[in-house]
Amino acid sequence: MFTPNPDEIVIYGTTSNGKTFRPSDWAERLCGILSSFDKGNRLSYHQWVRPLLIGKIRSVAVGKQLETINPPMFRFLMDFAADNDLRVLDEAMLRELANEQSQPAEAPPPQPEPSAAPQKPEGQPFKLREIPPEETTAAFAALSILRPTLNDVARFAAQVNNEQRAAGYRLLGIFEEGKNNAVAVCGFRITTTLAFGRHIVIDDLVTVPQTRGRGYCTHLLQAVVDIAESENIAQIHTHVSVGSERADAHRMYLKHGFEINAHHFVCKTERFRR
């Protein structure tokens, strides 16, 4: 049974409306990402941040002293919790939660009106804008869901800013009111080839799981179309894996007028090694 630690607070893996946070390994991935905050001692964060299971809910315990020892890391964690609508619980709140979980299930009391439960408004205020180099890290949370191998914030920002942007890569992000990180991101570039002339390639397009179904990808795609038209570009291309796990992406692109017109071949170069 989980015993609250008075020296810790916990980012609990459910949202304010009771939904379990996804993906299922979010706590482990979040803790792994934090190594990028301490280049001198990459494992020291384990002293202050650890994944844990409370009942069946994956959570992250954060030592209270972290706020003094490493303010940027602590602020990153609190922003992550706020941006994803996760509850942050202290010892007293955790004990109350433990007591609730230990009580036998009872029939819920009659509700006066179904509308009594608070609901998030359908029209969540948001802003769509380009993400400049100094804010590249704001795209990390979303893109790390699309690209699970991303586990270092600093390395991610360095690669995007020093290598990809130099090749024309740009980032568009959707920011909901009160959130520091983008909840949806599109990474694209304008390029020229002999086959297609000058065209746009969408490399990355993702919405974080908690905000899917709000049409954010549609807004991002329309923004790319607007850029293409302003640049007198006639074609937008994208590459999507063929696996069944990408079926939703296939449907989305087809819905928005994309057509399948090529095979994408990949060769792992080790087969040519002598």
Foldseek 3Di string as FASTA:
>chain_A
DDAADQQKKKFWQAAPVGHGFDDPCVQVLLLLQLLLQDPPDSPVCVVAWDWDQDPNTIMIIGGPCCCVVPVVSVVVVVLVSVQLRTDIGHNVRVVVVVVVVPDDDDDDDDDPDPPPDDDDDLPFDKDKDWQDLVLVLLAVVFVCVVVVVDRYSVVVSCCCVVPVVVQAKTKMFMGTPPHSHGQWMWIKGWDADPVQGTEMETEDTGGRPSPPPSCPSVVVVVVVVVVCVVVVHDDYHYDDDPDPVCVVVVVVCVVVPDDDDDDDDDDDCVVVPD
